[in-house]
Amino acid sequence: MNIIGSKTDSSKFTQLETPRSVTAKSKVVSHEDVFVEKARQKKVDACYKMGDVTALIEAHEEIDLESFPAHEEEKEAAGGDYIKAFVLGGLDGIVSTFALVASMGGAHMALGQLIAVGLAKVLSDAFSMGFGEFASATAELEHALGILARETWETENHKDGEVKEMCELYMQKGCSKEDALTALSIISKYHDLFIEHMLAMEHGILPPDGDDRWQPLKQGFVCFLAFAAFGLIPLIGFIFVFMAYGNIGDLTLTLGVAYALTAVTLFSMGVAKAKLTGQSTPLRSGMLMLVNGTVAGGVAYLVGDILVSLIQ
């Protein structure tokens, strides 16, 4: 890439050193520092939700750049991955199982057969979902680690070329050549920060956590457990009825109980998801989950009933 003059422009950053750590007045982080920073972040979140600009300015004025605690990065990305695996596994488990038992109820299948098919479906699909999440997370992690290794190698062997690439991206987004060079000549002094910046700007990914090689397996296990646990909820009413009355044929009342359990669980999942992800509309999220399960179960019941009528 020769969009930037190699002699005059690159001289702005070729003589810069590459320190790997910040040498400002930092201090070892303490539990009190962490508590204070988390409290400040909560103030900022509250300001955003209320639209309070004055309080937002006051919260940011509490930051002391002359003496700041060493930054401890929280594992927010990993937590987000676990939340995603839990929500997807649980939602798929409860909705797909309820749709299955509703379709079998519409087809007037015997209670014992319905429970057997339902349990087999929950266990097999839970394993499939868990393994799929594990494979997906593994591929994503390996891809991110590969990009990180390549960008690190390129930066260590030809930093000027990497700076030029980033300058080109800045200029494509509207920065002038001079401003792009000025910003990147400063950022490139800090090795780890520069590489993380490249990952985000050039590749659209966050820095991967290479220390936790078990994370994909954990995500898969979370997805498996969520699918199995929530997938059993629509079957609970059928199992209790079977234990009390045996292999009955009329499942109308039992389907109603299954729907009630599913509806309450879906609404609770939607509200919990909104709380975990910081959304300001938990009731809306709960209602969307409820509508999703209701439509899926209703359509499945009608299809089962219609098909049986046509076959018979």
C-alpha atoms as a PDB file:
ATOM      1  CA  MET A   1       0.000   0.000   0.000  1.00  0.00           C
ATOM      2  CA  ASN A   2       1.656   3.237  -1.115  1.00  0.00           C
ATOM      3  CA  ILE A   3      -1.064   5.722  -0.302  1.00  0.00           C
ATOM      4  CA  ILE A   4       1.304   7.420   2.152  1.00  0.00           C
ATOM      5  CA  GLY A   5       4.737   8.690   1.188  1.00  0.00           C
ATOM      6  CA  SER A   6       7.325   6.262   2.419  1.00  0.00           C
ATOM      7  CA  LYS A   7      10.059   8.782   3.269  1.00  0.00           C
ATOM      8  CA  THR A   8       8.502  11.961   4.578  1.00  0.00           C
ATOM      9  CA  ASP A   9       5.363  10.533   6.186  1.00  0.00           C
ATOM     10  CA  SER A  10       6.711   7.322   7.631  1.00  0.00           C
ATOM     11  CA  SER A  11       9.490   9.297   9.319  1.00  0.00           C
ATOM     12  CA  LYS A  12       6.823  10.558  11.677  1.00  0.00           C
ATOM     13  CA  PHE A  13       6.556   7.166  13.306  1.00  0.00           C
ATOM     14  CA  THR A  14       9.663   5.159  12.392  1.00  0.00           C
ATOM     15  CA  GLN A  15      11.645   6.729  15.218  1.00  0.00           C
ATOM     16  CA  LEU A  16       9.023   6.072  17.883  1.00  0.00           C
ATOM     17  CA  GLU A  17       9.783   3.528  20.535  1.00  0.00           C
ATOM     18  CA  THR A  18       7.415   0.685  21.277  1.00  0.00           C
ATOM     19  CA  PRO A  19       6.910   0.431  25.034  1.00  0.00           C
ATOM     20  CA  ARG A  20       4.817  -2.567  26.051  1.00  0.00           C
ATOM     21  CA  SER A  21       3.398  -1.090  29.215  1.00  0.00           C
ATOM     22  CA  VAL A  22       2.107   2.278  30.334  1.00  0.00           C
ATOM     23  CA  THR A  23       4.535   4.108  32.606  1.00  0.00           C
ATOM     24  CA  ALA A  24       2.176   6.790  33.908  1.00  0.00           C
ATOM     25  CA  LYS A  25       1.400   7.187  37.590  1.00  0.00           C
ATOM     26  CA  SER A  26      -0.464   3.943  38.057  1.00  0.00           C
ATOM     27  CA  LYS A  27      -1.061   2.102  41.280  1.00  0.00           C
ATOM     28  CA  VAL A  28      -1.844  -1.472  42.176  1.00  0.00           C
ATOM     29  CA  VAL A  29      -5.569  -1.990  42.030  1.00  0.00           C
ATOM     30  CA  SER A  30      -7.325  -2.672  45.338  1.00  0.00           C
ATOM     31  CA  HIS A  31     -10.769  -3.958  46.231  1.00  0.00           C
ATOM     32  CA  GLU A  32     -11.726  -0.395  47.183  1.00  0.00           C
ATOM     33  CA  ASP A  33     -10.627   0.899  43.768  1.00  0.00           C
ATOM     34  CA  VAL A  34     -12.690  -1.772  42.029  1.00  0.00           C
ATOM     35  CA  PHE A  35     -15.713  -0.954  44.175  1.00  0.00           C
ATOM     36  CA  VAL A  36     -15.395   2.786  43.481  1.00  0.00           C
ATOM     37  CA  GLU A  37     -15.032   2.259  39.718  1.00  0.00           C
ATOM     38  CA  LYS A  38     -18.014  -0.108  39.578  1.00  0.00           C
ATOM     39  CA  ALA A  39     -20.079   2.436  41.528  1.00  0.00           C
ATOM     40  CA  ARG A  40     -19.068   5.142  39.043  1.00  0.00           C
ATOM     41  CA  GLN A  41     -20.027   2.914  36.116  1.00  0.00           C
ATOM     42  CA  LYS A  42     -23.438   2.326  37.703  1.00  0.00           C
ATOM     43  CA  LYS A  43     -23.891   6.094  37.903  1.00  0.00           C
ATOM     44  CA  VAL A  44     -23.058   6.384  34.204  1.00  0.00           C
ATOM     45  CA  ASP A  45     -25.558   3.620  33.348  1.00  0.00           C
ATOM     46  CA  ALA A  46     -28.241   5.387  35.385  1.00  0.00           C
ATOM     47  CA  CYS A  47     -27.441   8.687  33.641  1.00  0.00           C
ATOM     48  CA  TYR A  48     -27.895   7.046  30.242  1.00  0.00           C
ATOM     49  CA  LYS A  49     -31.233   5.477  31.183  1.00  0.00           C
ATOM     50  CA  MET A  50     -32.562   8.760  32.594  1.00  0.00           C
ATOM     51  CA  GLY A  51     -30.981  10.994  29.965  1.00  0.00           C
ATOM     52  CA  ASP A  52     -29.319  13.061  32.718  1.00  0.00           C
ATOM     53  CA  VAL A  53     -26.416  14.882  31.037  1.00  0.00           C
ATOM     54  CA  THR A  54     -25.487  16.875  34.165  1.00  0.00           C
ATOM     55  CA  ALA A  55     -25.067  13.738  36.255  1.00  0.00           C
ATOM     56  CA  LEU A  56     -23.124  12.148  33.393  1.00  0.00           C
ATOM     57  CA  ILE A  57     -20.614  15.012  33.431  1.00  0.00           C
ATOM     58  CA  GLU A  58     -20.287  14.770  37.222  1.00  0.00           C
ATOM     59  CA  ALA A  59     -19.638  11.018  37.034  1.00  0.00           C
ATOM     60  CA  HIS A  60     -16.832  11.523  34.525  1.00  0.00           C
ATOM     61  CA  GLU A  61     -15.286  14.318  36.582  1.00  0.00           C
ATOM     62  CA  GLU A  62     -14.579  11.713  39.277  1.00  0.00           C
ATOM     63  CA  ILE A  63     -11.902  10.168  37.045  1.00  0.00           C
ATOM     64  CA  ASP A  64      -8.397  11.129  38.201  1.00  0.00           C
ATOM     65  CA  LEU A  65      -5.928  10.767  35.329  1.00  0.00           C
ATOM     66  CA  GLU A  66      -2.993  11.794  37.520  1.00  0.00           C
ATOM     67  CA  SER A  67      -3.303   8.738  39.744  1.00  0.00           C
ATOM     68  CA  PHE A  68      -5.327   5.902  38.292  1.00  0.00           C
ATOM     69  CA  PRO A  69      -5.574   2.237  39.331  1.00  0.00           C
ATOM     70  CA  ALA A  70      -4.057  -0.398  37.075  1.00  0.00           C
ATOM     71  CA  HIS A  71      -6.850  -1.514  34.780  1.00  0.00           C
ATOM     72  CA  GLU A  72      -8.216  -4.996  35.373  1.00  0.00           C
ATOM     73  CA  GLU A  73     -10.184  -6.145  32.365  1.00  0.00           C
ATOM     74  CA  GLU A  74     -13.407  -7.868  33.333  1.00  0.00           C
ATOM     75  CA  LYS A  75     -14.387 -10.958  31.385  1.00  0.00           C
ATOM     76  CA  GLU A  76     -17.456  -9.316  29.883  1.00  0.00           C
ATOM     77  CA  ALA A  77     -17.018 -10.967  26.507  1.00  0.00           C
ATOM     78  CA  ALA A  78     -16.846 -14.431  28.054  1.00  0.00           C
ATOM     79  CA  GLY A  79     -19.882 -13.659  30.231  1.00  0.00           C
ATOM     80  CA  GLY A  80     -21.742 -12.528  27.139  1.00  0.00           C
ATOM     81  CA  ASP A  81     -20.894 -15.778  25.387  1.00  0.00           C
ATOM     82  CA  TYR A  82     -22.245 -17.799  28.308  1.00  0.00           C
ATOM     83  CA  ILE A  83     -25.426 -15.717  28.412  1.00  0.00           C
ATOM     84  CA  LYS A  84     -25.877 -16.260  24.679  1.00  0.00           C
ATOM     85  CA  ALA A  85     -25.378 -20.029  25.024  1.00  0.00           C
ATOM     86  CA  PHE A  86     -27.771 -20.172  27.995  1.00  0.00           C
ATOM     87  CA  VAL A  87     -30.509 -18.119  26.344  1.00  0.00           C
ATOM     88  CA  LEU A  88     -30.276 -19.847  22.967  1.00  0.00           C
ATOM     89  CA  GLY A  89     -30.126 -23.318  24.500  1.00  0.00           C
ATOM     90  CA  GLY A  90     -32.950 -22.670  26.944  1.00  0.00           C
ATOM     91  CA  LEU A  91     -35.203 -20.940  24.425  1.00  0.00           C
ATOM     92  CA  ASP A  92     -34.693 -23.579  21.759  1.00  0.00           C
ATOM     93  CA  GLY A  93     -35.196 -26.354  24.318  1.00  0.00           C
ATOM     94  CA  ILE A  94     -38.479 -25.157  25.752  1.00  0.00           C
ATOM     95  CA  VAL A  95     -40.039 -23.912  22.495  1.00  0.00           C
ATOM     96  CA  SER A  96     -39.082 -26.923  20.366  1.00  0.00           C
ATOM     97  CA  THR A  97     -40.204 -29.400  23.043  1.00  0.00           C
ATOM     98  CA  PHE A  98     -43.501 -27.631  23.592  1.00  0.00           C
ATOM     99  CA  ALA A  99     -44.084 -27.528  19.842  1.00  0.00           C
ATOM    100  CA  LEU A 100     -43.384 -31.277  19.671  1.00  0.00           C
ATOM    101  CA  VAL A 101     -45.753 -32.240  22.498  1.00  0.00           C
ATOM    102  CA  ALA A 102     -48.395 -29.851  21.121  1.00  0.00           C
ATOM    103  CA  SER A 103     -48.196 -31.493  17.698  1.00  0.00           C
ATOM    104  CA  MET A 104     -48.437 -34.961  19.270  1.00  0.00           C
ATOM    105  CA  GLY A 105     -51.344 -33.764  21.413  1.00  0.00           C
ATOM    106  CA  GLY A 106     -53.053 -32.474  18.282  1.00  0.00           C
ATOM    107  CA  ALA A 107     -52.444 -35.874  16.711  1.00  0.00           C
ATOM    108  CA  HIS A 108     -54.096 -37.524  19.799  1.00  0.00           C
ATOM    109  CA  MET A 109     -51.058 -39.653  20.618  1.00  0.00           C
ATOM    110  CA  ALA A 110     -51.155 -41.767  23.767  1.00  0.00           C
ATOM    111  CA  LEU A 111     -49.623 -40.155  26.856  1.00  0.00           C
ATOM    112  CA  GLY A 112     -46.915 -42.798  27.350  1.00  0.00           C
ATOM    113  CA  GLN A 113     -45.721 -42.498  23.770  1.00  0.00           C
ATOM    114  CA  LEU A 114     -45.718 -38.714  23.994  1.00  0.00           C
ATOM    115  CA  ILE A 115     -43.493 -38.767  27.096  1.00  0.00           C
ATOM    116  CA  ALA A 116     -41.088 -41.313  25.594  1.00  0.00           C
ATOM    117  CA  VAL A 117     -40.690 -39.376  22.348  1.00  0.00           C
ATOM    118  CA  GLY A 118     -40.427 -36.081  24.229  1.00  0.00           C
ATOM    119  CA  LEU A 119     -37.676 -37.293  26.581  1.00  0.00           C
ATOM    120  CA  ALA A 120     -35.706 -38.842  23.723  1.00  0.00           C
ATOM    121  CA  LYS A 121     -36.017 -35.628  21.763  1.00  0.00           C
ATOM    122  CA  VAL A 122     -34.840 -33.435  24.679  1.00  0.00           C
ATOM    123  CA  LEU A 123     -31.724 -35.517  25.395  1.00  0.00           C
ATOM    124  CA  SER A 124     -30.671 -35.956  21.771  1.00  0.00           C
ATOM    125  CA  ASP A 125     -31.267 -32.331  20.832  1.00  0.00           C
ATOM    126  CA  ALA A 126     -29.532 -31.092  23.996  1.00  0.00           C
ATOM    127  CA  PHE A 127     -26.395 -33.000  23.026  1.00  0.00           C
ATOM    128  CA  SER A 128     -26.640 -31.739  19.462  1.00  0.00           C
ATOM    129  CA  MET A 129     -27.085 -28.117  20.564  1.00  0.00           C
ATOM    130  CA  GLY A 130     -24.281 -28.345  23.111  1.00  0.00           C
ATOM    131  CA  PHE A 131     -21.854 -29.867  20.636  1.00  0.00           C
ATOM    132  CA  GLY A 132     -22.842 -27.318  17.997  1.00  0.00           C
ATOM    133  CA  GLU A 133     -22.138 -24.463  20.411  1.00  0.00           C
ATOM    134  CA  PHE A 134     -18.791 -26.044  21.340  1.00  0.00           C
ATOM    135  CA  ALA A 135     -17.769 -26.454  17.685  1.00  0.00           C
ATOM    136  CA  SER A 136     -18.862 -22.910  16.830  1.00  0.00           C
ATOM    137  CA  ALA A 137     -17.045 -21.344  19.790  1.00  0.00           C
ATOM    138  CA  THR A 138     -13.906 -23.383  19.051  1.00  0.00           C
ATOM    139  CA  ALA A 139     -13.831 -22.263  15.429  1.00  0.00           C
ATOM    140  CA  GLU A 140     -14.406 -18.630  16.439  1.00  0.00           C
ATOM    141  CA  LEU A 141     -11.628 -18.745  19.051  1.00  0.00           C
ATOM    142  CA  GLU A 142      -9.140 -20.410  16.705  1.00  0.00           C
ATOM    143  CA  HIS A 143      -9.933 -17.876  13.981  1.00  0.00           C
ATOM    144  CA  ALA A 144      -9.412 -14.935  16.361  1.00  0.00           C
ATOM    145  CA  LEU A 145      -6.170 -16.395  17.763  1.00  0.00           C
ATOM    146  CA  GLY A 146      -4.875 -16.916  14.223  1.00  0.00           C
ATOM    147  CA  ILE A 147      -5.549 -13.289  13.303  1.00  0.00           C
ATOM    148  CA  LEU A 148      -3.966 -12.121  16.569  1.00  0.00           C
ATOM    149  CA  ALA A 149      -0.813 -14.166  15.895  1.00  0.00           C
ATOM    150  CA  ARG A 150      -0.529 -12.825  12.338  1.00  0.00           C
ATOM    151  CA  GLU A 151      -1.045  -9.190  13.301  1.00  0.00           C
ATOM    152  CA  THR A 152       1.444  -9.539  16.173  1.00  0.00           C
ATOM    153  CA  TRP A 153       4.058 -11.011  13.832  1.00  0.00           C
ATOM    154  CA  GLU A 154       3.492  -8.310  11.205  1.00  0.00           C
ATOM    155  CA  THR A 155       3.721  -5.540  13.811  1.00  0.00           C
ATOM    156  CA  GLU A 156       6.930  -6.897  15.329  1.00  0.00           C
ATOM    157  CA  ASN A 157       8.582  -7.288  11.928  1.00  0.00           C
ATOM    158  CA  HIS A 158       7.260  -4.258  10.013  1.00  0.00           C
ATOM    159  CA  LYS A 159       5.349  -1.861  12.242  1.00  0.00           C
ATOM    160  CA  ASP A 160       5.506   0.983   9.723  1.00  0.00           C
ATOM    161  CA  GLY A 161       3.577  -1.089   7.206  1.00  0.00           C
ATOM    162  CA  GLU A 162       0.876  -1.842   9.750  1.00  0.00           C
ATOM    163  CA  VAL A 163       0.627   1.841  10.634  1.00  0.00           C
ATOM    164  CA  LYS A 164       0.171   2.652   6.945  1.00  0.00           C
ATOM    165  CA  GLU A 165      -2.601   0.066   6.665  1.00  0.00           C
ATOM    166  CA  MET A 166      -4.397   1.606   9.624  1.00  0.00           C
ATOM    167  CA  CYS A 167      -3.901   5.091   8.172  1.00  0.00           C
ATOM    168  CA  GLU A 168      -5.629   3.928   5.020  1.00  0.00           C
ATOM    169  CA  LEU A 169      -8.614   2.693   7.065  1.00  0.00           C
ATOM    170  CA  TYR A 170      -8.782   6.011   8.919  1.00  0.00           C
ATOM    171  CA  MET A 171      -8.673   7.939   5.642  1.00  0.00           C
ATOM    172  CA  GLN A 172     -11.454   5.756   4.205  1.00  0.00           C
ATOM    173  CA  LYS A 173     -13.592   6.785   7.185  1.00  0.00           C
ATOM    174  CA  GLY A 174     -13.004  10.484   6.507  1.00  0.00           C
ATOM    175  CA  CYS A 175      -9.821  11.321   8.437  1.00  0.00           C
ATOM    176  CA  SER A 176      -7.229  13.486   6.777  1.00  0.00           C
ATOM    177  CA  LYS A 177      -3.818  11.981   6.078  1.00  0.00           C
ATOM    178  CA  GLU A 178      -2.165  14.212   8.672  1.00  0.00           C
ATOM    179  CA  ASP A 179      -4.686  13.441  11.433  1.00  0.00           C
ATOM    180  CA  ALA A 180      -4.489   9.704  10.744  1.00  0.00           C
ATOM    181  CA  LEU A 181      -0.690   9.772  10.961  1.00  0.00           C
ATOM    182  CA  THR A 182      -0.762  11.826  14.152  1.00  0.00           C
ATOM    183  CA  ALA A 183      -3.245   9.540  15.917  1.00  0.00           C
ATOM    184  CA  LEU A 184      -1.582   6.302  14.853  1.00  0.00           C
ATOM    185  CA  SER A 185       1.959   7.474  15.511  1.00  0.00           C
ATOM    186  CA  ILE A 186       0.883   7.842  19.144  1.00  0.00           C
ATOM    187  CA  ILE A 187      -1.183   4.654  19.414  1.00  0.00           C
ATOM    188  CA  SER A 188       1.528   2.558  17.751  1.00  0.00           C
ATOM    189  CA  LYS A 189       3.919   3.372  20.614  1.00  0.00           C
ATOM    190  CA  TYR A 190       1.881   1.029  22.797  1.00  0.00           C
ATOM    191  CA  HIS A 191       2.312  -2.460  21.385  1.00  0.00           C
ATOM    192  CA  ASP A 192      -0.647  -4.309  22.897  1.00  0.00           C
ATOM    193  CA  LEU A 193      -3.037  -1.372  22.498  1.00  0.00           C
ATOM    194  CA  PHE A 194      -2.089  -0.966  18.838  1.00  0.00           C
ATOM    195  CA  ILE A 195      -2.670  -4.653  18.080  1.00  0.00           C
ATOM    196  CA  GLU A 196      -6.036  -4.671  19.855  1.00  0.00           C
ATOM    197  CA  HIS A 197      -6.967  -1.526  17.916  1.00  0.00           C
ATOM    198  CA  MET A 198      -6.073  -3.264  14.645  1.00  0.00           C
ATOM    199  CA  LEU A 199      -8.165  -6.295  15.540  1.00  0.00           C
ATOM    200  CA  ALA A 200     -11.203  -4.099  16.150  1.00  0.00           C
ATOM    201  CA  MET A 201     -10.763  -1.653  13.265  1.00  0.00           C
ATOM    202  CA  GLU A 202      -9.368  -3.930  10.573  1.00  0.00           C
ATOM    203  CA  HIS A 203     -11.004  -7.271  11.382  1.00  0.00           C
ATOM    204  CA  GLY A 204     -14.015  -6.339  13.507  1.00  0.00           C
ATOM    205  CA  ILE A 205     -13.170  -8.729  16.356  1.00  0.00           C
ATOM    206  CA  LEU A 206     -12.358  -8.333  20.030  1.00  0.00           C
ATOM    207  CA  PRO A 207      -9.013  -9.564  21.399  1.00  0.00           C
ATOM    208  CA  PRO A 208      -9.436 -13.303  22.107  1.00  0.00           C
ATOM    209  CA  ASP A 209      -8.775 -14.770  25.527  1.00  0.00           C
ATOM    210  CA  GLY A 210      -6.140 -17.350  24.661  1.00  0.00           C
ATOM    211  CA  ASP A 211      -5.582 -18.218  28.327  1.00  0.00           C
ATOM    212  CA  ASP A 212      -8.966 -19.930  28.690  1.00  0.00           C
ATOM    213  CA  ARG A 213      -8.780 -22.809  26.234  1.00  0.00           C
ATOM    214  CA  TRP A 214     -11.725 -24.470  28.000  1.00  0.00           C
ATOM    215  CA  GLN A 215     -14.148 -21.653  27.199  1.00  0.00           C
ATOM    216  CA  PRO A 216     -15.683 -23.344  24.110  1.00  0.00           C
ATOM    217  CA  LEU A 217     -16.283 -26.515  26.140  1.00  0.00           C
ATOM    218  CA  LYS A 218     -17.862 -24.462  28.932  1.00  0.00           C
ATOM    219  CA  GLN A 219     -20.138 -22.710  26.442  1.00  0.00           C
ATOM    220  CA  GLY A 220     -21.181 -26.048  24.967  1.00  0.00           C
ATOM    221  CA  PHE A 221     -21.875 -27.469  28.431  1.00  0.00           C
ATOM    222  CA  VAL A 222     -23.939 -24.406  29.384  1.00  0.00           C
ATOM    223  CA  CYS A 223     -25.965 -24.749  26.182  1.00  0.00           C
ATOM    224  CA  PHE A 224     -26.485 -28.498  26.819  1.00  0.00           C
ATOM    225  CA  LEU A 225     -27.671 -27.941  30.398  1.00  0.00           C
ATOM    226  CA  ALA A 226     -29.950 -25.054  29.427  1.00  0.00           C
ATOM    227  CA  PHE A 227     -31.566 -27.022  26.614  1.00  0.00           C
ATOM    228  CA  ALA A 228     -32.079 -30.126  28.788  1.00  0.00           C
ATOM    229  CA  ALA A 229     -33.393 -28.226  31.826  1.00  0.00           C
ATOM    230  CA  PHE A 230     -35.800 -25.939  29.975  1.00  0.00           C
ATOM    231  CA  GLY A 231     -36.750 -28.641  27.476  1.00  0.00           C
ATOM    232  CA  LEU A 232     -38.116 -30.793  30.314  1.00  0.00           C
ATOM    233  CA  ILE A 233     -40.517 -28.078  31.530  1.00  0.00           C
ATOM    234  CA  PRO A 234     -43.288 -28.745  28.945  1.00  0.00           C
ATOM    235  CA  LEU A 235     -43.066 -32.465  29.826  1.00  0.00           C
ATOM    236  CA  ILE A 236     -43.448 -32.038  33.589  1.00  0.00           C
ATOM    237  CA  GLY A 237     -47.251 -31.895  33.485  1.00  0.00           C
ATOM    238  CA  PHE A 238     -47.447 -34.966  31.238  1.00  0.00           C
ATOM    239  CA  ILE A 239     -45.112 -36.932  33.506  1.00  0.00           C
ATOM    240  CA  PHE A 240     -47.154 -36.155  36.655  1.00  0.00           C
ATOM    241  CA  VAL A 241     -50.422 -37.033  34.925  1.00  0.00           C
ATOM    242  CA  PHE A 242     -48.912 -40.304  33.688  1.00  0.00           C
ATOM    243  CA  MET A 243     -47.723 -41.171  37.204  1.00  0.00           C
ATOM    244  CA  ALA A 244     -51.158 -40.392  38.657  1.00  0.00           C
ATOM    245  CA  TYR A 245     -53.576 -41.730  36.003  1.00  0.00           C
ATOM    246  CA  GLY A 246     -51.544 -43.927  33.693  1.00  0.00           C
ATOM    247  CA  ASN A 247     -51.570 -43.941  29.896  1.00  0.00           C
ATOM    248  CA  ILE A 248     -54.692 -41.812  29.296  1.00  0.00           C
ATOM    249  CA  GLY A 249     -55.818 -40.725  25.858  1.00  0.00           C
ATOM    250  CA  ASP A 250     -57.374 -37.280  26.448  1.00  0.00           C
ATOM    251  CA  LEU A 251     -54.529 -34.766  26.734  1.00  0.00           C
ATOM    252  CA  THR A 252     -56.523 -31.526  26.521  1.00  0.00           C
ATOM    253  CA  LEU A 253     -56.179 -30.567  30.193  1.00  0.00           C
ATOM    254  CA  THR A 254     -52.555 -31.718  30.317  1.00  0.00           C
ATOM    255  CA  LEU A 255     -51.717 -29.634  27.263  1.00  0.00           C
ATOM    256  CA  GLY A 256     -53.201 -26.623  29.039  1.00  0.00           C
ATOM    257  CA  VAL A 257     -50.988 -27.255  32.069  1.00  0.00           C
ATOM    258  CA  ALA A 258     -47.953 -27.684  29.780  1.00  0.00           C
ATOM    259  CA  TYR A 259     -48.725 -24.406  28.055  1.00  0.00           C
ATOM    260  CA  ALA A 260     -49.123 -22.585  31.376  1.00  0.00           C
ATOM    261  CA  LEU A 261     -45.735 -23.843  32.606  1.00  0.00           C
ATOM    262  CA  THR A 262     -44.126 -22.995  29.267  1.00  0.00           C
ATOM    263  CA  ALA A 263     -45.669 -19.533  29.126  1.00  0.00           C
ATOM    264  CA  VAL A 264     -44.540 -18.583  32.631  1.00  0.00           C
ATOM    265  CA  THR A 265     -41.030 -19.879  31.943  1.00  0.00           C
ATOM    266  CA  LEU A 266     -40.748 -18.117  28.577  1.00  0.00           C
ATOM    267  CA  PHE A 267     -41.879 -14.802  30.034  1.00  0.00           C
ATOM    268  CA  SER A 268     -39.422 -15.164  32.922  1.00  0.00           C
ATOM    269  CA  MET A 269     -36.612 -16.006  30.483  1.00  0.00           C
ATOM    270  CA  GLY A 270     -37.358 -12.891  28.456  1.00  0.00           C
ATOM    271  CA  VAL A 271     -37.323 -10.661  31.530  1.00  0.00           C
ATOM    272  CA  ALA A 272     -34.109 -12.279  32.824  1.00  0.00           C
ATOM    273  CA  LYS A 273     -32.433 -11.884  29.425  1.00  0.00           C
ATOM    274  CA  ALA A 274     -33.305  -8.198  29.374  1.00  0.00           C
ATOM    275  CA  LYS A 275     -31.901  -7.725  32.869  1.00  0.00           C
ATOM    276  CA  LEU A 276     -28.678  -9.581  32.086  1.00  0.00           C
ATOM    277  CA  THR A 277     -28.056  -7.651  28.877  1.00  0.00           C
ATOM    278  CA  GLY A 278     -28.961  -4.264  30.346  1.00  0.00           C
ATOM    279  CA  GLN A 279     -32.091  -3.687  28.245  1.00  0.00           C
ATOM    280  CA  SER A 280     -34.561  -1.122  29.516  1.00  0.00           C
ATOM    281  CA  THR A 281     -37.683  -3.008  28.366  1.00  0.00           C
ATOM    282  CA  PRO A 282     -37.818  -6.325  30.277  1.00  0.00           C
ATOM    283  CA  LEU A 283     -41.609  -6.682  29.922  1.00  0.00           C
ATOM    284  CA  ARG A 284     -41.380  -6.278  26.151  1.00  0.00           C
ATOM    285  CA  SER A 285     -38.642  -8.917  26.035  1.00  0.00           C
ATOM    286  CA  GLY A 286     -40.758 -11.286  28.112  1.00  0.00           C
ATOM    287  CA  MET A 287     -43.801 -10.788  25.886  1.00  0.00           C
ATOM    288  CA  LEU A 288     -41.745 -11.455  22.744  1.00  0.00           C
ATOM    289  CA  MET A 289     -40.564 -14.758  24.215  1.00  0.00           C
ATOM    290  CA  LEU A 290     -44.142 -15.634  25.165  1.00  0.00           C
ATOM    291  CA  VAL A 291     -45.497 -14.833  21.696  1.00  0.00           C
ATOM    292  CA  ASN A 292     -42.749 -16.907  20.112  1.00  0.00           C
ATOM    293  CA  GLY A 293     -43.602 -20.005  22.142  1.00  0.00           C
ATOM    294  CA  THR A 294     -47.367 -19.510  21.778  1.00  0.00           C
ATOM    295  CA  VAL A 295     -47.235 -19.225  17.996  1.00  0.00           C
ATOM    296  CA  ALA A 296     -44.879 -22.217  17.678  1.00  0.00           C
ATOM    297  CA  GLY A 297     -47.047 -24.413  19.909  1.00  0.00           C
ATOM    298  CA  GLY A 298     -50.321 -23.298  18.330  1.00  0.00           C
ATOM    299  CA  VAL A 299     -49.129 -23.937  14.783  1.00  0.00           C
ATOM    300  CA  ALA A 300     -47.710 -27.336  15.781  1.00  0.00           C
ATOM    301  CA  TYR A 301     -50.991 -28.371  17.418  1.00  0.00           C
ATOM    302  CA  LEU A 302     -53.047 -27.346  14.382  1.00  0.00           C
ATOM    303  CA  VAL A 303     -50.713 -29.116  11.966  1.00  0.00           C
ATOM    304  CA  GLY A 304     -50.836 -32.306  14.030  1.00  0.00           C
ATOM    305  CA  ASP A 305     -54.626 -32.209  14.268  1.00  0.00           C
ATOM    306  CA  ILE A 306     -55.079 -31.483  10.543  1.00  0.00           C
ATOM    307  CA  LEU A 307     -52.673 -34.178   9.397  1.00  0.00           C
ATOM    308  CA  VAL A 308     -54.326 -36.834  11.555  1.00  0.00           C
ATOM    309  CA  SER A 309     -57.746 -35.822  10.185  1.00  0.00           C
ATOM    310  CA  LEU A 310     -56.472 -36.077   6.619  1.00  0.00           C
ATOM    311  CA  ILE A 311     -54.780 -39.445   7.141  1.00  0.00           C
ATOM    312  CA  GLN A 312     -57.731 -40.982   8.877  1.00  0.00           C
END
